[in-house]
Amino acid sequence: MGWMVLIFVAIVAALTWLMYWANRWATQYVQKFLEERLDALREVTEEEKVPAAWSAPFQSRIAREQQRGSSAARITQIQRGAQKHCLRQMDELIKYVQGVRFEDTQNTQRLLLEKLREQKSRWETATWEAMMEMHASHDEEPIE
């Protein structure tokens, strides 16, 4: 009978420990997710640029391909893929903003959605180079 109690206590302790770490991991995951979304929202609406997290992997890939001497067609293919990726990310960001309840007013949500849709419209008609020029022009502005 005593060994059954010990096994029970061990199982409860293991499950408690497991739940603690699972909760901690989930909290960090959700926090990271929200921070990434809010950073992207800020970069798109306030700075009017492609979020660095969205463009950086493609920029480095394009640079590698250019160093290798890849054809212009290959570079263009990567750029089109990058642009499609950024537009999909923008769609996800728009869905996120539509689903978020803002504390102050519905006007905040409406304004954010207008800015996001306006920026998406610009990106749809721009080339990848033009999108990155928008990105670079905001990086060069002095901070006041």
Foldseek 3Di string as FASTA:
>chain_A
DVVVVVVVVVVVVVVVVVVVVVVVVVVVVVVVVVVVLVQQLCCCQVLVAQDCVLCVVLVVVLVVCVVVVHDPVVSQVSQVVSLVSSLVVLVVSLVVLVPDDDDPDVVVSVVSNVSSVVSSVVSVPDGSVVRVVSVVVSVPDDDD
